[in-house]
Amino acid sequence: MIDLVGKKILIVEGSLLSAQELSLMLKEAGARVYTTSNAISAFNLIERVGFDGAMIDYALHNEAFELCEELRSINTPYICCNAPHRLQGTEARSSDARAAVERLSRVMSERAQPSMDASILANFVKGRTGKGGGFGEPPHGF
């Protein structure tokens, strides 16, 4: 089960019909979902709301790149994906939507965890003595 309780998620999808499946999956995971179909509305929402994550439709082309640039500049995790197409069968749409939501959840949780590089560096600075500020040998593979 994906847990996004209380997280504010933005979906920017060229066709709001296609965004329904993503929105449903996100809401089932406990997220508060905001949906828009164009970059101008998305930029306004980003400025006003402050999101925990976002899903951007590849089909928005240049607008998608601009949105990703903006989200990156404010440290908001996002994924680019193709929303489930309305002509797909129900099972295929659900499967695609679930995979996209799982991917966003993973990206968001990885962002919340300290990176492996940061922990390696902290251990290096801490050194072998266990006291801060030492310069012990770097761990294997550093």
Foldseek 3Di string as FASTA:
>chain_A
DAAPAAFEEEEAALDVVLCPLLVVLCVVNRYHYDYDHFLVVVVVCCVPPPGQEYEYECVNPPSSVVVVVVCVVVVRHYYYDHRQDPPDDPVVNNVRSNVRVVVRSVRSVCSVDDDPVVVQVQDQQCAPVNHGRDHHDRPPPD
